[in-house]
Amino acid sequence: MALQLLVALIVAQGPSAHQTVLRSVQSNAKQTAATQSTIQTPAQKSDAGAAAQPYTIPFTIVEPVRLALTPKIDGTIDEEEWDALSTSSDMKSYFQWEPGKLHFAAQVPSGHDLVASFDLKGNGWLIGKDNLEVRLSNANSKVTMTCRVVDNTSISGPKWIDLPGMTMASFASVITNGATTTYEASISDPGIGLLPTEAGTKLMLRLDDPESTDAPSPAYLPRVLTPVSLAIQRSAALPNGLWFNTEGAGHAAIPGESIKLRLTYNGNNSMKLQRLEMHSEGFSKNDTNQMMVPFPKFDEKGRSYVDYSTAIAESTSIGYRILKGTLSTADNIPAVMESSYRIGPLVDFEVPRQALAVAPLDRSVRFSFYAKSNSSRSVKGEVSISVPDPLKVLNGADRKINIQGNRGKDRQTFDLFFPPNISGTFPVKFSAILNGKKIEQVQYITVGGL
């Protein structure tokens, strides 16, 4: 994406650099990007890097503000699919998010694994019980995922806790092409409340590519992570004194309908802003509108805005997408703005998390669920709920759904039977026919937590 390139130039000049520095070095951007994108074989790694303690070499991130964006997990890095994270001598990595999910990918030398480390509260790797490691391995072109957290709360010292439920709720892919292996992964919360759900959340992370023969790291070893912020909008190279915001960022619409985002600005007419071009990036680029308008004058309070309204093609894929705005000025140096929005299914089924402890006797537990519409129209139909043995739905397995109005919701309940001493993560499947459309979604509940 153009935005990562712009911010990379600022970072290269140090923390004091500003938009004027960005513009003066812009002509070197293509040469810098080409140098950073080289993937080396294991033999080409520096002796200093190989001798260092694993996970302690500083992890440099070009852009700390990470946007909500949904990739396609197929082992291929498509154009504008991923938000570039970092580049080293032997790895090019990517990271983005959406509520309750973390997405990451990397291109590494063949024969290497990919390890993602997340300090989800940003308070230090060996503090608390929120430090997640996800390891991806390649065996005969099939990916293996292992999820675990470091528990630093015990007086006996740090220990690993495996998270098979998170592995169940997540998915990954791998493709090897000669000397390079590409990993892609989407990590979902299995009902334990570990992953962030809100924009503005700050966490720390790093990605590493140990050789596949390297043993898993002991729990007590430290890791040096880098802070990032999860966001639904960001900008780069705005002229001095210009402020930007997106009204409607993060909002959702369904294929076949439309969505409107308002790009708002605070500035003055002496900035001589000329033209604003807007389009959706990635998978929805050809399924949504592209617009180019003269930049409107600021009013007496220094305000100006442009509406981006677009129909959404019926065939477009579901997920978070990026609206990219490029603003030209009198000196023909572009400013870039990016805002996340969502193309959603007709309805999202959500099960609010309950902290369920393991119980010595069988029991019945009532759960609520919400059918949340992403449409401007009413939604009607039926939904069936199913769970795997030995759990059973006692009542509420079949429910009628009736959602009135624009993006409304319907709250329902169902009861689950749990045998004694049962623990683990269990999928709850929603199978619905709504407005004549078939919808299937899976949510997860976990008994026992961490």
Protein backbone atom coordinates (compact mmCIF):
# COMPACT_ATOMS: atom_id res chain seq x y z
CA MET A 1 0.00 0.00 0.00
CA ALA A 2 1.12 3.57 -0.61
CA LEU A 3 0.60 4.50 3.03
CA GLN A 4 3.19 2.09 4.40
CA LEU A 5 5.71 3.46 1.91
CA LEU A 6 5.05 7.04 2.95
CA VAL A 7 5.38 6.29 6.66
CA ALA A 8 8.49 4.18 6.07
CA LEU A 9 10.25 7.26 4.77
CA ILE A 10 9.29 9.24 7.86
CA VAL A 11 10.54 6.49 10.16
CA ALA A 12 13.83 6.35 8.27
CA GLN A 13 14.46 10.02 9.08
CA GLY A 14 13.87 9.60 12.82
CA PRO A 15 11.06 10.62 15.18
CA SER A 16 11.49 14.34 14.54
CA ALA A 17 10.75 14.08 10.82
CA HIS A 18 7.54 15.61 9.52
CA GLN A 19 5.61 15.94 6.30
CA THR A 20 8.24 18.19 4.73
CA VAL A 21 10.91 15.52 5.25
CA LEU A 22 8.57 12.94 3.77
CA ARG A 23 8.17 14.97 0.64
CA SER A 24 11.91 15.62 0.18
CA VAL A 25 12.77 11.91 0.16
CA GLN A 26 9.81 10.66 -1.80
CA SER A 27 11.87 10.14 -4.98
CA ASN A 28 13.86 7.37 -3.21
CA ALA A 29 10.76 5.33 -2.31
CA LYS A 30 10.87 2.77 -5.11
CA GLN A 31 14.54 1.99 -4.59
CA THR A 32 14.04 1.56 -0.81
CA ALA A 33 11.03 -0.72 -1.22
CA ALA A 34 12.89 -2.94 -3.71
CA THR A 35 15.81 -3.33 -1.32
CA GLN A 36 13.58 -4.23 1.64
CA SER A 37 11.54 -6.84 -0.22
CA THR A 38 14.47 -9.23 -0.81
CA ILE A 39 14.11 -12.63 0.90
CA GLN A 40 17.40 -14.36 1.67
CA THR A 41 18.17 -18.03 2.19
CA PRO A 42 19.28 -19.30 5.64
CA ALA A 43 22.95 -19.27 4.48
CA GLN A 44 22.71 -15.54 3.87
CA LYS A 45 21.64 -14.62 7.41
CA SER A 46 24.18 -12.52 9.33
CA ASP A 47 26.37 -14.18 11.93
CA ALA A 48 25.36 -11.54 14.47
CA GLY A 49 21.65 -12.32 14.02
CA ALA A 50 22.21 -16.07 14.21
CA ALA A 51 24.22 -15.76 17.42
CA ALA A 52 21.69 -13.55 19.21
CA GLN A 53 19.20 -14.90 21.73
CA PRO A 54 15.96 -15.80 19.89
CA TYR A 55 13.16 -13.24 20.21
CA THR A 56 15.40 -10.50 21.69
CA ILE A 57 16.61 -8.76 18.53
CA PRO A 58 14.56 -5.52 18.27
CA PHE A 59 11.62 -5.91 15.90
CA THR A 60 11.28 -2.80 13.73
CA ILE A 61 7.77 -1.86 12.55
CA VAL A 62 7.34 0.78 9.85
CA GLU A 63 3.74 1.74 10.71
CA PRO A 64 2.48 1.25 14.32
CA VAL A 65 -1.15 2.11 13.46
CA ARG A 66 -2.76 -1.11 12.19
CA LEU A 67 -6.03 -1.07 10.26
CA ALA A 68 -9.00 -3.44 10.39
CA LEU A 69 -8.76 -5.47 7.17
CA THR A 70 -9.85 -9.03 6.32
CA PRO A 71 -7.47 -11.15 4.21
CA LYS A 72 -8.14 -14.34 2.26
CA ILE A 73 -6.25 -17.17 3.96
CA ASP A 74 -4.96 -19.16 0.98
CA GLY A 75 -1.16 -18.90 1.19
CA THR A 76 -0.94 -16.18 -1.49
CA ILE A 77 -0.15 -12.51 -0.80
CA ASP A 78 -2.48 -10.70 -3.19
CA GLU A 79 -2.23 -7.03 -4.13
CA GLU A 80 -3.61 -4.75 -1.39
CA GLU A 81 -4.72 -7.81 0.62
CA TRP A 82 -2.23 -7.30 3.47
CA ASP A 83 -0.91 -4.37 5.48
CA ALA A 84 2.91 -4.58 5.46
CA LEU A 85 4.42 -4.81 8.96
CA SER A 86 8.20 -5.27 8.81
CA THR A 87 11.04 -6.34 6.54
CA SER A 88 14.32 -8.01 7.52
CA SER A 89 17.07 -9.82 5.61
CA ASP A 90 15.10 -13.08 5.52
CA MET A 91 11.44 -12.22 6.28
CA LYS A 92 8.75 -9.88 5.01
CA SER A 93 5.77 -9.80 7.38
CA TYR A 94 2.22 -8.44 7.54
CA PHE A 95 -0.34 -7.78 10.29
CA GLN A 96 -3.90 -6.48 10.57
CA TRP A 97 -6.96 -7.11 12.72
CA GLU A 98 -10.72 -7.07 13.11
CA PRO A 99 -12.83 -7.33 16.29
CA GLY A 100 -12.03 -10.64 18.01
CA LYS A 101 -9.47 -11.63 15.36
CA LEU A 102 -5.80 -11.11 14.57
CA HIS A 103 -4.44 -11.70 11.06
CA PHE A 104 -0.76 -12.15 10.20
CA ALA A 105 1.36 -13.45 7.33
CA ALA A 106 4.99 -13.66 6.26
CA GLN A 107 7.28 -14.76 3.45
CA VAL A 108 10.24 -16.69 4.92
CA PRO A 109 13.00 -18.99 3.66
CA SER A 110 11.79 -22.55 3.03
CA GLY A 111 12.55 -24.81 5.97
CA HIS A 112 11.51 -22.13 8.46
CA ASP A 113 8.46 -21.84 10.71
CA LEU A 114 6.63 -18.62 11.52
CA VAL A 115 6.17 -17.58 15.17
CA ALA A 116 3.89 -14.67 16.13
CA SER A 117 4.18 -13.29 19.67
CA PHE A 118 1.48 -10.98 21.10
CA ASP A 119 1.52 -9.15 24.44
CA LEU A 120 -2.19 -8.40 24.38
CA LYS A 121 -2.15 -5.92 27.29
CA GLY A 122 1.13 -4.35 26.25
CA ASN A 123 2.56 -4.59 29.77
CA GLY A 124 5.57 -6.85 29.19
CA TRP A 125 6.08 -10.40 27.94
CA LEU A 126 6.75 -11.95 31.35
CA ILE A 127 3.86 -10.18 33.08
CA GLY A 128 0.34 -11.54 33.51
CA LYS A 129 -1.48 -14.22 31.55
CA ASP A 130 -2.08 -12.41 28.27
CA ASN A 131 1.03 -13.27 26.25
CA LEU A 132 0.11 -15.35 23.21
CA GLU A 133 2.37 -17.34 20.90
CA VAL A 134 1.13 -18.79 17.60
CA ARG A 135 3.52 -21.08 15.70
CA LEU A 136 2.95 -22.17 12.10
CA SER A 137 4.86 -25.11 10.64
CA ASN A 138 4.96 -26.57 7.15
CA ALA A 139 4.95 -30.35 6.64
CA ASN A 140 4.47 -31.60 3.07
CA SER A 141 2.66 -28.39 2.08
CA LYS A 142 0.24 -28.71 5.01
CA VAL A 143 0.25 -26.13 7.76
CA THR A 144 0.27 -27.01 11.47
CA MET A 145 -0.79 -24.38 14.02
CA THR A 146 0.01 -24.33 17.75
CA CYS A 147 -1.44 -21.68 20.09
CA ARG A 148 -0.33 -21.18 23.70
CA VAL A 149 -0.01 -18.48 26.35
CA VAL A 150 2.62 -17.80 28.98
CA ASP A 151 1.18 -17.90 32.51
CA ASN A 152 3.36 -15.61 34.63
CA THR A 153 1.02 -15.56 37.64
CA SER A 154 2.24 -18.71 39.39
CA ILE A 155 4.75 -18.47 42.25
CA SER A 156 6.56 -21.45 40.70
CA GLY A 157 7.51 -19.33 37.68
CA PRO A 158 6.34 -18.88 34.07
CA LYS A 159 4.70 -21.82 32.31
CA TRP A 160 3.07 -22.46 28.96
CA ILE A 161 -0.67 -23.19 28.69
CA ASP A 162 -1.78 -24.79 25.43
CA LEU A 163 -4.87 -23.32 23.74
CA PRO A 164 -6.33 -26.09 21.58
CA GLY A 165 -9.63 -24.20 21.50
CA MET A 166 -8.00 -21.21 19.82
CA THR A 167 -6.36 -23.55 17.31
CA MET A 168 -9.82 -25.02 16.60
CA ALA A 169 -11.38 -21.58 16.08
CA SER A 170 -8.54 -20.31 13.85
CA PHE A 171 -7.17 -21.27 10.46
CA ALA A 172 -3.98 -20.92 8.43
CA SER A 173 -2.49 -21.74 5.06
CA VAL A 174 0.96 -22.30 3.56
CA ILE A 175 2.49 -22.37 0.08
CA THR A 176 6.15 -23.11 -0.74
CA ASN A 177 7.59 -21.73 -3.95
CA GLY A 178 11.21 -22.77 -4.36
CA ALA A 179 13.33 -21.04 -1.72
CA THR A 180 10.44 -19.11 -0.16
CA THR A 181 7.51 -20.22 2.01
CA THR A 182 4.44 -18.04 2.53
CA TYR A 183 2.32 -18.41 5.68
CA GLU A 184 -1.06 -16.75 6.28
CA ALA A 185 -3.15 -17.06 9.47
CA SER A 186 -6.36 -15.74 11.01
CA ILE A 187 -6.58 -16.16 14.81
CA SER A 188 -10.02 -16.08 16.43
CA ASP A 189 -11.04 -15.85 20.08
CA PRO A 190 -12.71 -19.14 21.18
CA GLY A 191 -14.90 -17.52 23.81
CA ILE A 192 -12.20 -16.79 26.42
CA GLY A 193 -12.05 -13.01 25.96
CA LEU A 194 -8.34 -12.94 25.15
CA LEU A 195 -8.27 -11.12 21.81
CA PRO A 196 -9.09 -7.40 21.45
CA THR A 197 -12.44 -6.27 20.08
CA GLU A 198 -12.19 -2.46 20.08
CA ALA A 199 -10.42 0.10 17.93
CA GLY A 200 -7.93 2.07 19.98
CA THR A 201 -6.58 -1.04 21.72
CA LYS A 202 -2.81 -1.02 22.17
CA LEU A 203 -0.73 -4.19 22.25
CA MET A 204 2.81 -5.35 21.50
CA LEU A 205 3.96 -7.94 18.98
CA ARG A 206 6.79 -9.46 16.97
CA LEU A 207 7.10 -12.07 14.19
CA ASP A 208 10.03 -14.48 13.88
CA ASP A 209 11.00 -17.28 11.50
CA PRO A 210 12.94 -19.97 13.40
CA GLU A 211 14.14 -22.99 11.50
CA SER A 212 11.58 -25.79 11.58
CA THR A 213 14.04 -27.97 13.53
CA ASP A 214 14.34 -25.39 16.34
CA ALA A 215 12.73 -26.53 19.59
CA PRO A 216 9.88 -24.48 21.12
CA SER A 217 11.10 -21.69 23.35
CA PRO A 218 11.00 -22.19 27.16
CA ALA A 219 8.42 -20.12 29.01
CA TYR A 220 10.95 -18.22 31.12
CA LEU A 221 12.87 -16.64 28.22
CA PRO A 222 12.13 -12.93 27.62
CA ARG A 223 10.97 -11.44 24.33
CA VAL A 224 11.42 -7.94 22.96
CA LEU A 225 8.15 -6.78 21.39
CA THR A 226 7.09 -3.60 19.60
CA PRO A 227 3.96 -1.56 20.40
CA VAL A 228 1.15 -1.08 17.88
CA SER A 229 -2.31 0.45 17.99
CA LEU A 230 -5.42 -1.15 16.45
CA ALA A 231 -7.38 1.40 14.44
CA ILE A 232 -10.07 1.95 11.84
CA GLN A 233 -8.46 5.00 10.23
CA ARG A 234 -5.03 6.56 9.68
CA SER A 235 -3.32 9.14 7.50
CA ALA A 236 0.10 10.21 6.25
CA ALA A 237 1.68 13.33 4.72
CA LEU A 238 -1.21 15.65 5.57
CA PRO A 239 -0.25 19.31 5.09
CA ASN A 240 0.66 21.10 8.31
CA GLY A 241 -2.48 22.19 10.16
CA LEU A 242 -4.90 19.88 8.31
CA TRP A 243 -6.92 17.47 10.47
CA PHE A 244 -8.83 14.47 9.15
CA ASN A 245 -11.59 12.15 10.43
CA THR A 246 -13.99 9.61 8.91
CA GLU A 247 -17.61 9.54 10.04
CA GLY A 248 -18.93 6.01 9.64
CA ALA A 249 -15.56 4.26 9.80
CA GLY A 250 -16.06 0.67 10.93
CA HIS A 251 -19.71 0.58 9.84
CA ALA A 252 -21.10 -2.34 7.82
CA ALA A 253 -23.33 -2.95 4.82
CA ILE A 254 -24.24 -6.08 2.87
CA PRO A 255 -23.55 -7.02 -0.76
CA GLY A 256 -26.25 -5.60 -3.01
CA GLU A 257 -26.87 -2.54 -0.84
CA SER A 258 -24.85 0.65 -0.27
CA ILE A 259 -22.74 2.45 2.32
CA LYS A 260 -21.75 6.08 2.92
CA LEU A 261 -18.62 7.35 4.67
CA ARG A 262 -18.06 11.05 5.29
CA LEU A 263 -14.47 12.32 5.15
CA THR A 264 -14.29 15.44 7.33
CA TYR A 265 -11.47 17.99 7.41
CA ASN A 266 -10.43 20.97 9.51
CA GLY A 267 -8.13 23.49 7.89
CA ASN A 268 -8.20 26.70 5.85
CA ASN A 269 -8.40 27.73 2.21
CA SER A 270 -4.80 29.00 2.15
CA MET A 271 -3.71 25.33 2.04
CA LYS A 272 -4.82 25.28 -1.62
CA LEU A 273 -6.08 21.69 -1.52
CA GLN A 274 -7.02 20.70 -5.05
CA ARG A 275 -8.50 17.26 -5.66
CA LEU A 276 -9.62 14.19 -3.66
CA GLU A 277 -9.65 10.72 -5.23
CA MET A 278 -11.38 7.87 -3.34
CA HIS A 279 -11.64 4.13 -3.98
CA SER A 280 -11.81 0.84 -2.09
CA GLU A 281 -8.64 -1.23 -2.04
CA GLY A 282 -8.11 -4.96 -2.44
CA PHE A 283 -10.88 -7.46 -3.10
CA SER A 284 -13.63 -4.81 -3.32
CA LYS A 285 -11.78 -2.46 -5.66
CA ASN A 286 -13.85 -3.45 -8.68
CA ASP A 287 -17.08 -3.94 -6.70
CA THR A 288 -17.44 -0.40 -5.37
CA ASN A 289 -17.38 3.16 -6.67
CA GLN A 290 -14.31 5.18 -7.55
CA MET A 291 -14.69 8.93 -7.13
CA MET A 292 -12.64 12.03 -7.92
CA VAL A 293 -13.88 15.46 -6.85
CA PRO A 294 -12.46 18.98 -6.53
CA PHE A 295 -11.71 19.62 -2.87
CA PRO A 296 -14.51 21.77 -1.41
CA LYS A 297 -13.74 25.08 0.26
CA PHE A 298 -13.61 25.32 4.05
CA ASP A 299 -16.46 27.15 5.76
CA GLU A 300 -16.09 30.05 8.20
CA LYS A 301 -15.37 27.55 11.00
CA GLY A 302 -12.60 25.84 9.05
CA ARG A 303 -14.65 22.75 8.19
CA SER A 304 -14.95 20.81 4.94
CA TYR A 305 -16.25 17.37 4.07
CA VAL A 306 -16.69 14.93 1.18
CA ASP A 307 -19.15 12.03 1.14
CA TYR A 308 -18.07 8.69 -0.29
CA SER A 309 -21.25 6.83 -1.26
CA THR A 310 -21.02 3.50 -3.03
CA ALA A 311 -23.19 0.62 -4.09
CA ILE A 312 -21.72 -2.81 -3.23
CA ALA A 313 -21.81 -5.52 -5.88
CA GLU A 314 -23.77 -8.68 -5.03
CA SER A 315 -20.73 -10.83 -5.83
CA THR A 316 -18.26 -9.12 -3.50
CA SER A 317 -16.70 -11.06 -0.63
CA ILE A 318 -17.43 -10.54 3.06
CA GLY A 319 -14.91 -8.78 5.30
CA TYR A 320 -13.34 -5.51 6.41
CA ARG A 321 -12.19 -3.32 3.54
CA ILE A 322 -10.17 -0.09 3.16
CA LEU A 323 -11.37 3.17 1.65
CA LYS A 324 -8.28 4.98 0.41
CA GLY A 325 -8.37 8.73 -0.17
CA THR A 326 -5.58 10.56 -2.01
CA LEU A 327 -5.54 14.33 -1.62
CA SER A 328 -3.51 16.47 -4.05
CA THR A 329 -2.23 19.91 -3.20
CA ALA A 330 -0.78 22.87 -5.06
CA ASP A 331 2.70 21.33 -5.03
CA ASN A 332 1.34 18.02 -6.40
CA ILE A 333 2.52 16.01 -3.37
CA PRO A 334 -0.26 13.59 -2.31
CA ALA A 335 -1.58 13.08 1.21
CA VAL A 336 -3.05 9.65 1.95
CA MET A 337 -6.01 8.72 4.18
CA GLU A 338 -7.28 5.20 4.87
CA SER A 339 -10.48 4.16 6.65
CA SER A 340 -11.85 0.69 7.43
CA TYR A 341 -15.43 -0.32 6.71
CA ARG A 342 -17.10 -3.71 6.62
CA ILE A 343 -18.99 -5.68 4.01
CA GLY A 344 -20.93 -8.05 6.25
CA PRO A 345 -23.36 -10.94 5.95
CA LEU A 346 -27.09 -10.26 6.15
CA VAL A 347 -26.99 -11.09 9.88
CA ASP A 348 -24.23 -11.71 12.42
CA PHE A 349 -25.01 -14.24 15.15
CA GLU A 350 -23.22 -13.40 18.39
CA VAL A 351 -23.08 -15.29 21.70
CA PRO A 352 -22.00 -13.05 24.61
CA ARG A 353 -19.15 -14.63 26.53
CA GLN A 354 -19.85 -16.41 29.83
CA ALA A 355 -17.07 -17.46 32.21
CA LEU A 356 -17.91 -21.15 32.69
CA ALA A 357 -16.00 -23.13 35.32
CA VAL A 358 -15.72 -26.91 35.23
CA ALA A 359 -18.50 -28.43 37.42
CA PRO A 360 -18.59 -31.89 39.14
CA LEU A 361 -22.29 -32.41 38.31
CA ASP A 362 -24.24 -32.22 35.07
CA ARG A 363 -26.03 -28.95 34.53
CA SER A 364 -28.08 -26.78 32.22
CA VAL A 365 -26.82 -23.31 31.30
CA ARG A 366 -28.89 -20.64 29.56
CA PHE A 367 -27.21 -18.61 26.85
CA SER A 368 -28.42 -15.55 25.03
CA PHE A 369 -27.58 -14.81 21.44
CA TYR A 370 -28.09 -11.83 19.19
CA ALA A 371 -29.03 -11.78 15.54
CA LYS A 372 -27.60 -8.43 14.38
CA SER A 373 -28.63 -7.16 10.96
CA ASN A 374 -26.18 -5.45 8.61
CA SER A 375 -29.00 -4.49 6.22
CA SER A 376 -31.10 -1.35 5.89
CA ARG A 377 -34.17 -3.57 5.43
CA SER A 378 -36.19 -5.80 7.75
CA VAL A 379 -35.00 -9.38 8.19
CA LYS A 380 -37.23 -12.39 8.84
CA GLY A 381 -36.70 -16.14 8.92
CA GLU A 382 -35.69 -19.07 11.10
CA VAL A 383 -32.47 -20.30 12.69
CA SER A 384 -31.46 -23.70 14.07
CA ILE A 385 -28.74 -24.14 16.71
CA SER A 386 -26.61 -27.27 17.01
CA VAL A 387 -23.68 -28.35 19.19
CA PRO A 388 -21.44 -31.45 19.16
CA ASP A 389 -21.82 -34.37 21.57
CA PRO A 390 -21.76 -34.69 24.51
CA LEU A 391 -23.41 -31.24 24.72
CA LYS A 392 -27.11 -31.01 23.91
CA VAL A 393 -29.50 -28.15 23.13
CA LEU A 394 -32.36 -28.59 25.62
CA ASN A 395 -34.66 -25.91 24.24
CA GLY A 396 -34.41 -23.05 21.84
CA ALA A 397 -32.77 -25.12 19.10
CA ASP A 398 -35.18 -23.61 16.55
CA ARG A 399 -36.05 -19.94 16.69
CA LYS A 400 -37.85 -17.42 14.51
CA ILE A 401 -35.96 -14.25 13.69
CA ASN A 402 -37.75 -10.94 13.19
CA ILE A 403 -35.60 -7.81 12.87
CA GLN A 404 -37.37 -4.58 12.10
CA GLY A 405 -35.73 -1.46 10.76
CA ASN A 406 -32.30 -0.38 9.71
CA ARG A 407 -29.52 -2.63 11.12
CA GLY A 408 -31.61 -3.75 14.08
CA LYS A 409 -31.13 -6.82 16.25
CA ASP A 410 -33.13 -9.64 17.79
CA ARG A 411 -32.21 -11.21 21.15
CA GLN A 412 -33.01 -14.89 21.77
CA THR A 413 -32.00 -17.58 24.28
CA PHE A 414 -31.20 -21.30 24.29
CA ASP A 415 -30.23 -23.82 26.99
CA LEU A 416 -27.26 -26.19 26.80
CA PHE A 417 -26.76 -29.41 28.74
CA PHE A 418 -23.22 -30.05 30.04
CA PRO A 419 -22.14 -33.46 31.44
CA PRO A 420 -20.15 -33.48 34.69
CA ASN A 421 -16.45 -32.49 34.68
CA ILE A 422 -16.49 -31.51 31.02
CA SER A 423 -14.06 -28.83 29.81
CA GLY A 424 -12.78 -27.43 26.56
CA THR A 425 -13.96 -25.37 23.60
CA PHE A 426 -17.14 -26.25 21.70
CA PRO A 427 -18.55 -24.85 18.43
CA VAL A 428 -22.12 -23.53 18.37
CA LYS A 429 -23.45 -23.66 14.81
CA PHE A 430 -26.20 -21.33 13.58
CA SER A 431 -27.99 -22.50 10.41
CA ALA A 432 -30.52 -19.96 9.16
CA ILE A 433 -32.81 -19.10 6.27
CA LEU A 434 -33.28 -15.32 6.37
CA ASN A 435 -35.04 -13.33 3.66
CA GLY A 436 -34.74 -16.46 1.55
CA LYS A 437 -30.94 -16.65 1.96
CA LYS A 438 -29.08 -19.52 3.61
CA ILE A 439 -26.61 -18.42 6.29
CA GLU A 440 -24.29 -20.61 8.38
CA GLN A 441 -22.04 -19.24 11.12
CA VAL A 442 -20.10 -20.76 14.01
CA GLN A 443 -19.46 -19.21 17.41
CA TYR A 444 -17.46 -20.81 20.25
CA ILE A 445 -17.94 -21.32 23.97
CA THR A 446 -15.20 -22.49 26.33
CA VAL A 447 -15.65 -24.29 29.64
CA GLY A 448 -12.71 -23.86 31.98
CA GLY A 449 -11.19 -20.77 30.33
CA LEU A 450 -7.51 -20.22 31.00
